Protein backbone atom coordinates (compact mmCIF):
# COMPACT_ATOMS: atom_id res chain seq x y z
CA UNK A 1 0.01 0.03 0.13
CA UNK A 2 1.33 3.44 -0.93
CA UNK A 3 1.28 6.54 1.15
CA UNK A 4 -0.48 9.80 0.84
CA UNK A 5 2.84 11.36 0.24
CA UNK A 6 3.48 8.91 -2.69
CA UNK A 7 0.11 9.81 -4.28
CA UNK A 8 1.07 13.19 -4.14
CA UNK A 9 4.45 12.72 -5.53
CA UNK A 10 2.97 10.68 -8.37
CA UNK A 11 -0.04 12.82 -9.18
CA UNK A 12 1.10 14.59 -12.16
CA UNK A 13 2.23 11.25 -13.77
CA UNK A 14 -1.03 9.55 -12.66
CA UNK A 15 -3.13 12.31 -14.19
CA UNK A 16 -1.22 12.42 -17.47
CA UNK A 17 -1.18 8.54 -17.70
CA UNK A 18 2.48 8.32 -17.39
CA UNK A 19 2.51 5.88 -14.36
CA UNK A 20 3.39 2.16 -14.74
CA UNK A 21 0.28 0.00 -14.84
CA UNK A 22 1.40 -1.33 -11.24
CA UNK A 23 1.75 2.14 -9.95
CA UNK A 24 -1.38 3.27 -11.26
CA UNK A 25 -3.16 0.37 -9.51
CA UNK A 26 -1.38 1.27 -6.46
CA UNK A 27 -2.78 4.78 -6.72
CA UNK A 28 -6.25 3.63 -7.64
CA UNK A 29 -6.16 1.28 -4.48
CA UNK A 30 -5.03 4.11 -2.23
CA UNK A 31 -7.78 6.32 -3.48
CA UNK A 32 -10.32 3.66 -2.74
CA UNK A 33 -9.70 4.02 0.82
CA UNK A 34 -8.51 7.64 1.39
CA UNK A 35 -11.10 10.37 1.16
CA UNK A 36 -8.36 13.14 1.87
CA UNK A 37 -6.40 12.09 -1.27
CA UNK A 38 -9.54 11.76 -3.32
CA UNK A 39 -10.34 15.27 -2.48
CA UNK A 40 -6.80 16.41 -3.30
CA UNK A 41 -6.95 14.67 -6.70
CA UNK A 42 -10.11 16.27 -7.33
CA UNK A 43 -8.88 19.88 -6.64
CA UNK A 44 -5.62 19.28 -8.46
CA UNK A 45 -7.79 18.21 -11.66
CA UNK A 46 -9.98 21.30 -11.18
CA UNK A 47 -6.82 23.65 -10.87
CA UNK A 48 -5.49 22.16 -14.27
CA UNK A 49 -8.88 22.56 -15.90
CA UNK A 50 -9.33 26.14 -14.75
CA UNK A 51 -5.86 27.15 -15.58
CA UNK A 52 -6.09 25.95 -19.03
CA UNK A 53 -9.18 28.28 -19.57
CA UNK A 54 -6.89 31.30 -18.77
CA UNK A 55 -5.85 33.60 -21.59
CA UNK A 56 -1.82 33.41 -21.97
CA UNK A 57 -0.50 36.75 -21.03
CA UNK A 58 3.04 37.90 -22.01
CA UNK A 59 5.32 38.10 -19.00
CA UNK A 60 6.30 41.76 -18.18
CA UNK A 61 9.93 42.42 -18.94
CA UNK A 62 10.32 43.90 -15.33
CA UNK A 63 9.38 40.46 -13.83
CA UNK A 64 11.79 38.72 -16.23
CA UNK A 65 14.62 41.10 -15.31
CA UNK A 66 13.83 40.43 -11.49
CA UNK A 67 13.94 36.71 -11.88
CA UNK A 68 17.16 36.83 -13.64
CA UNK A 69 18.68 39.23 -10.95
CA UNK A 70 17.65 36.63 -8.27
CA UNK A 71 19.02 33.47 -10.18
CA UNK A 72 22.14 35.33 -10.75
CA UNK A 73 22.36 36.27 -6.85
CA UNK A 74 21.49 32.67 -5.82
CA UNK A 75 24.37 31.44 -8.10
CA UNK A 76 26.81 33.57 -6.61
CA UNK A 77 25.64 32.83 -2.89
CA UNK A 78 25.88 29.08 -3.67
CA UNK A 79 29.60 29.36 -4.59
CA UNK A 80 30.54 31.21 -1.17
């Protein structure tokens, strides 16, 4: 029997059909006895569905610049 954490870790692969048959059966079995995970899977599916309905927006150049600065800073901090 798999744990709730494993269901969470495998969820994207589960929903996209990329799990092995054995792993998929294990997730299905777990979902048959865990209402909390069923709820989590349902809300994850709803999030995916709703996000696909959003119109794509261009990323503001200022945000790109701020992200690049943060990555650069993190890289320098990691080498110290």
